C-alpha atoms as a PDB file:
ATOM      1  CA  MET A   1      20.012  29.971  -4.249  1.00  0.00           C
ATOM      2  CA  ASP A   2      17.695  27.609  -2.366  1.00  0.00           C
ATOM      3  CA  ASN A   3      18.006  27.577   1.414  1.00  0.00           C
ATOM      4  CA  VAL A   4      16.812  23.981   1.600  1.00  0.00           C
ATOM      5  CA  ASN A   5      19.022  21.511   3.444  1.00  0.00           C
ATOM      6  CA  VAL A   6      19.977  18.422   1.430  1.00  0.00           C
ATOM      7  CA  GLY A   7      21.305  15.166   2.882  1.00  0.00           C
ATOM      8  CA  PHE A   8      22.961  12.376   0.892  1.00  0.00           C
ATOM      9  CA  LEU A   9      22.888   8.743   2.030  1.00  0.00           C
ATOM     10  CA  GLY A  10      25.941   7.508   0.178  1.00  0.00           C
ATOM     11  CA  ALA A  11      29.104   9.281  -0.902  1.00  0.00           C
ATOM     12  CA  GLY A  12      30.015   7.640  -4.201  1.00  0.00           C
ATOM     13  CA  SER A  13      30.655   9.142  -7.612  1.00  0.00           C
ATOM     14  CA  MET A  14      27.010   9.987  -8.315  1.00  0.00           C
ATOM     15  CA  ALA A  15      26.595  11.748  -4.979  1.00  0.00           C
ATOM     16  CA  GLU A  16      29.766  13.723  -5.616  1.00  0.00           C
ATOM     17  CA  SER A  17      28.651  14.662  -9.133  1.00  0.00           C
ATOM     18  CA  MET A  18      25.351  15.968  -7.791  1.00  0.00           C
ATOM     19  CA  VAL A  19      27.046  17.889  -4.991  1.00  0.00           C
ATOM     20  CA  GLU A  20      29.471  19.452  -7.447  1.00  0.00           C
ATOM     21  CA  GLY A  21      26.662  20.452  -9.821  1.00  0.00           C
ATOM     22  CA  MET A  22      24.446  21.871  -7.088  1.00  0.00           C
ATOM     23  CA  ILE A  23      27.269  24.008  -5.723  1.00  0.00           C
ATOM     24  CA  ALA A  24      28.565  25.100  -9.134  1.00  0.00           C
ATOM     25  CA  GLN A  25      25.089  26.228 -10.189  1.00  0.00           C
ATOM     26  CA  SER A  26      24.514  27.987  -6.816  1.00  0.00           C
ATOM     27  CA  PHE A  27      21.474  25.778  -6.284  1.00  0.00           C
ATOM     28  CA  VAL A  28      22.377  24.940  -2.691  1.00  0.00           C
ATOM     29  CA  SER A  29      25.319  26.310  -0.715  1.00  0.00           C
ATOM     30  CA  PRO A  30      27.863  23.846   0.749  1.00  0.00           C
ATOM     31  CA  GLU A  31      26.852  24.481   4.354  1.00  0.00           C
ATOM     32  CA  HIS A  32      23.340  23.255   3.531  1.00  0.00           C
ATOM     33  CA  ILE A  33      24.609  19.881   2.214  1.00  0.00           C
ATOM     34  CA  THR A  34      25.309  16.902   4.495  1.00  0.00           C
ATOM     35  CA  LEU A  35      26.755  13.541   3.433  1.00  0.00           C
ATOM     36  CA  LEU A  36      26.442  10.258   5.297  1.00  0.00           C
ATOM     37  CA  ASN A  37      28.570   7.189   4.744  1.00  0.00           C
ATOM     38  CA  ARG A  38      28.791   4.791   7.666  1.00  0.00           C
ATOM     39  CA  ILE A  39      31.674   2.669   6.341  1.00  0.00           C
ATOM     40  CA  ASN A  40      34.173   4.837   4.442  1.00  0.00           C
ATOM     41  CA  LYS A  41      34.860   7.748   6.771  1.00  0.00           C
ATOM     42  CA  GLN A  42      37.986   8.692   4.814  1.00  0.00           C
ATOM     43  CA  ARG A  43      35.809   9.284   1.743  1.00  0.00           C
ATOM     44  CA  LEU A  44      33.601  11.625   3.778  1.00  0.00           C
ATOM     45  CA  LYS A  45      36.624  13.590   4.931  1.00  0.00           C
ATOM     46  CA  GLU A  46      37.845  13.932   1.353  1.00  0.00           C
ATOM     47  CA  LEU A  47      34.502  15.310   0.175  1.00  0.00           C
ATOM     48  CA  GLN A  48      34.266  17.657   3.142  1.00  0.00           C
ATOM     49  CA  THR A  49      37.700  19.075   2.356  1.00  0.00           C
ATOM     50  CA  LYS A  50      36.975  19.359  -1.362  1.00  0.00           C
ATOM     51  CA  TYR A  51      33.476  20.916  -1.200  1.00  0.00           C
ATOM     52  CA  SER A  52      33.189  22.343   2.356  1.00  0.00           C
ATOM     53  CA  VAL A  53      30.043  20.274   2.973  1.00  0.00           C
ATOM     54  CA  GLU A  54      28.905  18.810   6.287  1.00  0.00           C
ATOM     55  CA  ILE A  55      29.438  15.114   7.048  1.00  0.00           C
ATOM     56  CA  THR A  56      27.922  12.644   9.500  1.00  0.00           C
ATOM     57  CA  THR A  57      27.530   8.954  10.275  1.00  0.00           C
ATOM     58  CA  SER A  58      24.192   9.428  12.080  1.00  0.00           C
ATOM     59  CA  TYR A  59      20.828   8.835  10.418  1.00  0.00           C
ATOM     60  CA  GLN A  60      19.128  10.835  13.142  1.00  0.00           C
ATOM     61  CA  GLU A  61      21.438  13.780  12.554  1.00  0.00           C
ATOM     62  CA  ILE A  62      21.114  13.833   8.788  1.00  0.00           C
ATOM     63  CA  SER A  63      17.315  13.541   9.037  1.00  0.00           C
ATOM     64  CA  SER A  64      17.018  16.384  11.537  1.00  0.00           C
ATOM     65  CA  GLN A  65      19.335  18.605   9.466  1.00  0.00           C
ATOM     66  CA  SER A  66      17.828  17.912   6.021  1.00  0.00           C
ATOM     67  CA  GLU A  67      14.480  18.549   4.383  1.00  0.00           C
ATOM     68  CA  VAL A  68      15.558  16.575   1.304  1.00  0.00           C
ATOM     69  CA  ILE A  69      17.142  13.119   1.584  1.00  0.00           C
ATOM     70  CA  ILE A  70      18.898  11.743  -1.495  1.00  0.00           C
ATOM     71  CA  LEU A  71      19.371   7.963  -1.626  1.00  0.00           C
ATOM     72  CA  ALA A  72      22.675   7.368  -3.412  1.00  0.00           C
ATOM     73  CA  MET A  73      23.874   4.031  -2.064  1.00  0.00           C
ATOM     74  CA  LYS A  74      24.234   0.718  -3.906  1.00  0.00           C
ATOM     75  CA  PRO A  75      20.980  -1.229  -4.461  1.00  0.00           C
ATOM     76  CA  LYS A  76      22.065  -4.024  -2.110  1.00  0.00           C
ATOM     77  CA  ASP A  77      22.429  -1.498   0.725  1.00  0.00           C
ATOM     78  CA  ALA A  78      19.102   0.249   0.132  1.00  0.00           C
ATOM     79  CA  GLU A  79      16.853  -1.696   2.496  1.00  0.00           C
ATOM     80  CA  GLU A  80      19.227  -1.471   5.459  1.00  0.00           C
ATOM     81  CA  ALA A  81      19.661   2.253   4.902  1.00  0.00           C
ATOM     82  CA  LEU A  82      15.912   2.830   4.639  1.00  0.00           C
ATOM     83  CA  LEU A  83      15.234   0.854   7.802  1.00  0.00           C
ATOM     84  CA  ASN A  84      17.866   2.929   9.619  1.00  0.00           C
ATOM     85  CA  LEU A  85      16.242   6.061   8.248  1.00  0.00           C
ATOM     86  CA  LYS A  86      12.690   4.978   9.074  1.00  0.00           C
ATOM     87  CA  PRO A  87      12.542   6.115  12.747  1.00  0.00           C
ATOM     88  CA  HIS A  88      13.701   9.603  11.791  1.00  0.00           C
ATOM     89  CA  ILE A  89      11.763  10.312   8.591  1.00  0.00           C
ATOM     90  CA  THR A  90       8.538  12.336   8.444  1.00  0.00           C
ATOM     91  CA  LYS A  91       5.936  13.353   5.900  1.00  0.00           C
ATOM     92  CA  GLU A  92       7.673  16.728   5.723  1.00  0.00           C
ATOM     93  CA  HIS A  93      10.786  15.238   4.156  1.00  0.00           C
ATOM     94  CA  LEU A  94      11.282  14.692   0.433  1.00  0.00           C
ATOM     95  CA  ILE A  95      13.152  11.529  -0.565  1.00  0.00           C
ATOM     96  CA  ILE A  96      14.930  11.483  -3.923  1.00  0.00           C
ATOM     97  CA  SER A  97      16.364   8.151  -5.092  1.00  0.00           C
ATOM     98  CA  VAL A  98      19.114   7.713  -7.689  1.00  0.00           C
ATOM     99  CA  ILE A  99      19.322   3.935  -7.103  1.00  0.00           C
ATOM    100  CA  ALA A 100      18.877   1.556 -10.044  1.00  0.00           C
ATOM    101  CA  GLY A 101      15.945  -0.834  -9.854  1.00  0.00           C
ATOM    102  CA  ILE A 102      14.416   0.408  -6.590  1.00  0.00           C
ATOM    103  CA  SER A 103      10.756   1.417  -6.958  1.00  0.00           C
ATOM    104  CA  THR A 104       8.991   4.220  -5.137  1.00  0.00           C
ATOM    105  CA  THR A 105       6.636   1.608  -3.678  1.00  0.00           C
ATOM    106  CA  PHE A 106       9.547  -0.313  -2.161  1.00  0.00           C
ATOM    107  CA  ILE A 107      10.875   2.876  -0.557  1.00  0.00           C
ATOM    108  CA  GLU A 108       7.438   3.829   0.770  1.00  0.00           C
ATOM    109  CA  GLU A 109       6.900   0.364   2.245  1.00  0.00           C
ATOM    110  CA  CYS A 110      10.315   0.321   3.927  1.00  0.00           C
ATOM    111  CA  ILE A 111       9.845   3.649   5.686  1.00  0.00           C
ATOM    112  CA  GLU A 112       6.109   3.043   6.349  1.00  0.00           C
ATOM    113  CA  SER A 113       5.300   6.710   5.970  1.00  0.00           C
ATOM    114  CA  GLU A 114       3.453   8.936   3.530  1.00  0.00           C
ATOM    115  CA  THR A 115       6.730  10.679   2.774  1.00  0.00           C
ATOM    116  CA  PRO A 116       6.918  11.969  -0.813  1.00  0.00           C
ATOM    117  CA  VAL A 117       9.373  10.109  -3.033  1.00  0.00           C
ATOM    118  CA  VAL A 118      10.947  11.009  -6.379  1.00  0.00           C
ATOM    119  CA  ARG A 119      12.736   8.227  -8.245  1.00  0.00           C
ATOM    120  CA  SER A 120      15.371   9.213 -10.786  1.00  0.00           C
ATOM    121  CA  MET A 121      18.019   7.790 -13.080  1.00  0.00           C
ATOM    122  CA  PRO A 122      20.890  10.158 -13.882  1.00  0.00           C
ATOM    123  CA  ASN A 123      24.158   9.046 -15.484  1.00  0.00           C
ATOM    124  CA  THR A 124      27.832   9.631 -14.800  1.00  0.00           C
ATOM    125  CA  SER A 125      28.053  12.579 -17.192  1.00  0.00           C
ATOM    126  CA  ALA A 126      26.611  14.470 -14.229  1.00  0.00           C
ATOM    127  CA  ALA A 127      30.282  14.970 -13.282  1.00  0.00           C
ATOM    128  CA  ILE A 128      30.565  17.574 -16.059  1.00  0.00           C
ATOM    129  CA  GLY A 129      26.978  18.848 -15.926  1.00  0.00           C
ATOM    130  CA  LEU A 130      25.786  16.800 -18.894  1.00  0.00           C
ATOM    131  CA  SER A 131      23.705  14.026 -17.349  1.00  0.00           C
ATOM    132  CA  ALA A 132      20.554  12.785 -19.038  1.00  0.00           C
ATOM    133  CA  THR A 133      18.169  12.248 -16.114  1.00  0.00           C
ATOM    134  CA  ALA A 134      14.682  10.756 -16.070  1.00  0.00           C
ATOM    135  CA  ILE A 135      12.425  11.239 -13.036  1.00  0.00           C
ATOM    136  CA  THR A 136       9.091   9.931 -11.765  1.00  0.00           C
ATOM    137  CA  THR A 137       7.091  10.266  -8.559  1.00  0.00           C
ATOM    138  CA  GLY A 138       5.619   8.151  -5.802  1.00  0.00           C
ATOM    139  CA  ARG A 139       2.080   8.297  -4.410  1.00  0.00           C
ATOM    140  CA  TYR A 140       2.546  11.224  -2.052  1.00  0.00           C
ATOM    141  CA  THR A 141       4.680  13.659  -4.072  1.00  0.00           C
ATOM    142  CA  ARG A 142       3.305  17.165  -4.611  1.00  0.00           C
ATOM    143  CA  ASN A 143       3.837  19.183  -7.776  1.00  0.00           C
ATOM    144  CA  ASP A 144       6.090  21.691  -6.020  1.00  0.00           C
ATOM    145  CA  GLN A 145       8.296  18.855  -4.757  1.00  0.00           C
ATOM    146  CA  LEU A 146       8.543  17.393  -8.243  1.00  0.00           C
ATOM    147  CA  ALA A 147       9.471  20.848  -9.526  1.00  0.00           C
ATOM    148  CA  PHE A 148      12.207  21.087  -6.904  1.00  0.00           C
ATOM    149  CA  ALA A 149      13.633  17.710  -7.951  1.00  0.00           C
ATOM    150  CA  GLU A 150      13.585  18.792 -11.580  1.00  0.00           C
ATOM    151  CA  ARG A 151      15.455  22.005 -10.779  1.00  0.00           C
ATOM    152  CA  LEU A 152      17.992  20.012  -8.773  1.00  0.00           C
ATOM    153  CA  PHE A 153      18.713  17.618 -11.636  1.00  0.00           C
ATOM    154  CA  ARG A 154      18.952  20.468 -14.130  1.00  0.00           C
ATOM    155  CA  THR A 155      22.079  21.537 -12.246  1.00  0.00           C
ATOM    156  CA  ILE A 156      23.774  18.407 -13.642  1.00  0.00           C
ATOM    157  CA  GLY A 157      22.174  18.168 -17.105  1.00  0.00           C
ATOM    158  CA  THR A 158      18.808  17.664 -18.791  1.00  0.00           C
ATOM    159  CA  VAL A 159      15.642  16.181 -17.253  1.00  0.00           C
ATOM    160  CA  VAL A 160      12.671  14.273 -18.667  1.00  0.00           C
ATOM    161  CA  HIS A 161       9.549  12.931 -16.923  1.00  0.00           C
ATOM    162  CA  VAL A 162       8.562   9.297 -17.504  1.00  0.00           C
ATOM    163  CA  PRO A 163       6.055   6.851 -15.967  1.00  0.00           C
ATOM    164  CA  GLU A 164       7.735   4.674 -13.346  1.00  0.00           C
ATOM    165  CA  GLU A 165       7.305   1.506 -15.408  1.00  0.00           C
ATOM    166  CA  GLN A 166       9.728   3.029 -17.942  1.00  0.00           C
ATOM    167  CA  LEU A 167      12.521   3.748 -15.435  1.00  0.00           C
ATOM    168  CA  ASP A 168      14.154   0.335 -15.861  1.00  0.00           C
ATOM    169  CA  THR A 169      14.350   0.909 -19.622  1.00  0.00           C
ATOM    170  CA  VAL A 170      15.819   4.358 -18.982  1.00  0.00           C
ATOM    171  CA  THR A 171      18.416   2.664 -16.775  1.00  0.00           C
ATOM    172  CA  GLY A 172      19.426   0.401 -19.645  1.00  0.00           C
ATOM    173  CA  LEU A 173      19.417   3.274 -22.144  1.00  0.00           C
ATOM    174  CA  SER A 174      20.813   6.480 -20.664  1.00  0.00           C
ATOM    175  CA  GLY A 175      21.839   5.231 -17.224  1.00  0.00           C
ATOM    176  CA  SER A 176      24.215   2.646 -18.690  1.00  0.00           C
ATOM    177  CA  GLY A 177      24.519   4.421 -22.046  1.00  0.00           C
ATOM    178  CA  PRO A 178      27.819   6.234 -21.432  1.00  0.00           C
ATOM    179  CA  ALA A 179      29.557   2.885 -20.918  1.00  0.00           C
ATOM    180  CA  TYR A 180      28.388   1.678 -24.334  1.00  0.00           C
ATOM    181  CA  PHE A 181      29.935   4.719 -25.981  1.00  0.00           C
ATOM    182  CA  TYR A 182      33.171   4.383 -23.996  1.00  0.00           C
ATOM    183  CA  TYR A 183      33.395   0.758 -25.069  1.00  0.00           C
ATOM    184  CA  MET A 184      32.854   1.734 -28.700  1.00  0.00           C
ATOM    185  CA  VAL A 185      35.603   4.347 -28.390  1.00  0.00           C
ATOM    186  CA  GLU A 186      37.920   1.692 -26.931  1.00  0.00           C
ATOM    187  CA  CYS A 187      37.199  -0.518 -29.944  1.00  0.00           C
ATOM    188  CA  MET A 188      37.669   2.358 -32.398  1.00  0.00           C
ATOM    189  CA  GLU A 189      40.994   3.325 -30.788  1.00  0.00           C
ATOM    190  CA  LYS A 190      42.178  -0.284 -31.046  1.00  0.00           C
ATOM    191  CA  ALA A 191      41.090  -0.514 -34.687  1.00  0.00           C
ATOM    192  CA  ALA A 192      42.784   2.787 -35.526  1.00  0.00           C
ATOM    193  CA  ASN A 193      46.016   1.615 -33.921  1.00  0.00           C
ATOM    194  CA  MET A 194      45.931  -1.692 -35.774  1.00  0.00           C
ATOM    195  CA  ASN A 195      45.488   0.275 -39.002  1.00  0.00           C
ATOM    196  CA  GLY A 196      48.482   2.539 -38.386  1.00  0.00           C
ATOM    197  CA  LEU A 197      47.225   5.534 -36.353  1.00  0.00           C
ATOM    198  CA  ASP A 198      48.830   6.383 -33.032  1.00  0.00           C
ATOM    199  CA  LYS A 199      46.574   6.425 -29.960  1.00  0.00           C
ATOM    200  CA  GLU A 200      46.704  10.188 -29.342  1.00  0.00           C
ATOM    201  CA  THR A 201      45.748  11.082 -32.904  1.00  0.00           C
ATOM    202  CA  ALA A 202      42.994   8.479 -32.967  1.00  0.00           C
ATOM    203  CA  ARG A 203      41.581   9.674 -29.650  1.00  0.00           C
ATOM    204  CA  GLU A 204      41.414  13.293 -30.802  1.00  0.00           C
ATOM    205  CA  LEU A 205      39.679  12.341 -34.033  1.00  0.00           C
ATOM    206  CA  ILE A 206      37.227   9.972 -32.341  1.00  0.00           C
ATOM    207  CA  ILE A 207      36.200  12.448 -29.638  1.00  0.00           C
ATOM    208  CA  GLN A 208      35.591  15.222 -32.156  1.00  0.00           C
ATOM    209  CA  THR A 209      33.714  12.823 -34.431  1.00  0.00           C
ATOM    210  CA  MET A 210      31.450  11.721 -31.562  1.00  0.00           C
ATOM    211  CA  THR A 211      30.932  15.290 -30.387  1.00  0.00           C
ATOM    212  CA  GLY A 212      30.154  16.518 -33.891  1.00  0.00           C
ATOM    213  CA  ALA A 213      27.700  13.698 -34.565  1.00  0.00           C
ATOM    214  CA  ALA A 214      25.901  14.343 -31.259  1.00  0.00           C
ATOM    215  CA  MET A 215      25.666  18.063 -32.035  1.00  0.00           C
ATOM    216  CA  MET A 216      24.307  17.311 -35.517  1.00  0.00           C
ATOM    217  CA  LEU A 217      21.533  15.260 -33.929  1.00  0.00           C
ATOM    218  CA  SER A 218      20.830  18.026 -31.430  1.00  0.00           C
ATOM    219  CA  LYS A 219      21.115  21.094 -33.655  1.00  0.00           C
ATOM    220  CA  THR A 220      19.571  19.883 -36.926  1.00  0.00           C
ATOM    221  CA  ASN A 221      16.697  17.934 -35.318  1.00  0.00           C
ATOM    222  CA  GLN A 222      17.032  15.428 -38.148  1.00  0.00           C
ATOM    223  CA  SER A 223      16.569  11.703 -37.610  1.00  0.00           C
ATOM    224  CA  PRO A 224      19.668   9.537 -37.164  1.00  0.00           C
ATOM    225  CA  SER A 225      18.578   7.538 -40.216  1.00  0.00           C
ATOM    226  CA  LEU A 226      18.550  10.647 -42.420  1.00  0.00           C
ATOM    227  CA  LEU A 227      21.891  11.877 -41.099  1.00  0.00           C
ATOM    228  CA  ARG A 228      23.375   8.423 -41.685  1.00  0.00           C
ATOM    229  CA  GLU A 229      22.094   8.392 -45.248  1.00  0.00           C
ATOM    230  CA  LYS A 230      23.670  11.801 -45.894  1.00  0.00           C
ATOM    231  CA  VAL A 231      27.074  10.425 -44.917  1.00  0.00           C
ATOM    232  CA  THR A 232      26.667   7.207 -46.904  1.00  0.00           C
ATOM    233  CA  SER A 233      27.449   7.366 -50.631  1.00  0.00           C
ATOM    234  CA  PRO A 234      26.555   4.274 -52.704  1.00  0.00           C
ATOM    235  CA  GLY A 235      29.641   2.143 -53.112  1.00  0.00           C
ATOM    236  CA  GLY A 236      31.680   4.434 -50.875  1.00  0.00           C
ATOM    237  CA  THR A 237      33.821   3.958 -47.786  1.00  0.00           C
ATOM    238  CA  THR A 238      31.028   4.581 -45.262  1.00  0.00           C
ATOM    239  CA  GLN A 239      28.797   2.026 -46.932  1.00  0.00           C
ATOM    240  CA  ALA A 240      31.628  -0.486 -46.771  1.00  0.00           C
ATOM    241  CA  GLY A 241      31.997   0.072 -43.022  1.00  0.00           C
ATOM    242  CA  LEU A 242      28.260  -0.015 -42.356  1.00  0.00           C
ATOM    243  CA  SER A 243      27.941  -3.267 -44.295  1.00  0.00           C
ATOM    244  CA  ILE A 244      30.383  -4.887 -41.882  1.00  0.00           C
ATOM    245  CA  LEU A 245      28.400  -3.621 -38.878  1.00  0.00           C
ATOM    246  CA  LYS A 246      25.231  -5.068 -40.379  1.00  0.00           C
ATOM    247  CA  ASP A 247      26.951  -8.386 -41.109  1.00  0.00           C
ATOM    248  CA  TYR A 248      27.957  -8.575 -37.457  1.00  0.00           C
ATOM    249  CA  LYS A 249      24.383  -7.695 -36.414  1.00  0.00           C
ATOM    250  CA  PHE A 250      25.354  -4.442 -34.707  1.00  0.00           C
ATOM    251  CA  ASP A 251      21.693  -3.460 -34.331  1.00  0.00           C
ATOM    252  CA  GLU A 252      20.902  -6.695 -32.500  1.00  0.00           C
ATOM    253  CA  ALA A 253      23.869  -6.213 -30.174  1.00  0.00           C
ATOM    254  CA  VAL A 254      22.673  -2.731 -29.238  1.00  0.00           C
ATOM    255  CA  LEU A 255      19.124  -4.005 -28.689  1.00  0.00           C
ATOM    256  CA  GLU A 256      20.298  -6.853 -26.482  1.00  0.00           C
ATOM    257  CA  SER A 257      22.650  -4.672 -24.440  1.00  0.00           C
ATOM    258  CA  ILE A 258      19.909  -2.183 -23.568  1.00  0.00           C
ATOM    259  CA  THR A 259      17.394  -4.966 -22.943  1.00  0.00           C
ATOM    260  CA  GLY A 260      19.881  -6.865 -20.779  1.00  0.00           C
ATOM    261  CA  ALA A 261      20.605  -3.799 -18.668  1.00  0.00           C
ATOM    262  CA  ARG A 262      16.868  -3.170 -18.293  1.00  0.00           C
ATOM    263  CA  ARG A 263      16.315  -6.739 -17.151  1.00  0.00           C
ATOM    264  CA  ARG A 264      19.116  -6.432 -14.609  1.00  0.00           C
ATOM    265  CA  SER A 265      17.548  -3.264 -13.226  1.00  0.00           C
ATOM    266  CA  GLU A 266      14.268  -5.133 -12.839  1.00  0.00           C
ATOM    267  CA  GLU A 267      16.075  -8.055 -11.173  1.00  0.00           C
ATOM    268  CA  LEU A 268      17.701  -5.772  -8.614  1.00  0.00           C
ATOM    269  CA  GLY A 269      14.281  -4.526  -7.569  1.00  0.00           C
ATOM    270  CA  HIS A 270      12.736  -8.001  -7.499  1.00  0.00           C
ATOM    271  CA  GLN A 271      15.610  -9.388  -5.421  1.00  0.00           C
ATOM    272  CA  LEU A 272      15.109  -6.750  -2.752  1.00  0.00           C
ATOM    273  CA  ILE A 273      11.356  -7.319  -2.685  1.00  0.00           C
ATOM    274  CA  LYS A 274      11.872 -11.099  -2.365  1.00  0.00           C
ATOM    275  CA  ALA A 275      14.463 -10.666   0.393  1.00  0.00           C
ATOM    276  CA  ARG A 276      12.170  -8.314   2.270  1.00  0.00           C
ATOM    277  CA  LYS A 277       9.276 -10.788   2.143  1.00  0.00           C
ATOM    278  CA  ASN A 278      11.513 -13.540   3.474  1.00  0.00           C
END
């Protein structure tokens, strides 16, 4: 177990998922974790009771108690939080951001310090230890600090390294990705019900179908195209269903959803930069 002290700015679902994973994997003990949320004090109390972590509403306190600061607030609150953090941050801290759209450069410019920064994009499957997380580094991050961040995120799932210019695409792909699948399951449940299956039976079948398909991709290392072809017999039921998806331009819908989410991630960053300049 690491003896490092970790502070979270923000106490939402992602922060909680990370706290839960870190404690469950014995990465950091609860007494070495501090959470800050200046508005919702009741939420802090709930997390303190549930995980036995420390809580505070003071930026000075969380900075003095933590070697690692994790930015887990909403994008619109990022600049204010960083400016509040600025007087208390040093080059000895490590900042890890899980905020969509916020670049390492923006963070570095807000705090006006050569503090190392790691930018990441996990997803909500972190709550069960199955996040897909991508990480990248700022100008001042050392290899050992990057390694620490990677070990931290492995407590909640898998980790890949990407150049920072790809983080917005990652946000649209795996950051928002779970919602696409949940929406598809909603649609499949509705279709099953309209075709005579009760909701409970449909849900069980859909979940196992999704799980099995994901495991086939993972375990066989075969391309999705090849696996699809193996399921699809000429003139059969699967081909009939796939033909409808193609008629409705399913591939274009998926492309546009990921692209749209990527663009929104970029917009969030640009809006903060523009507001800061003004």
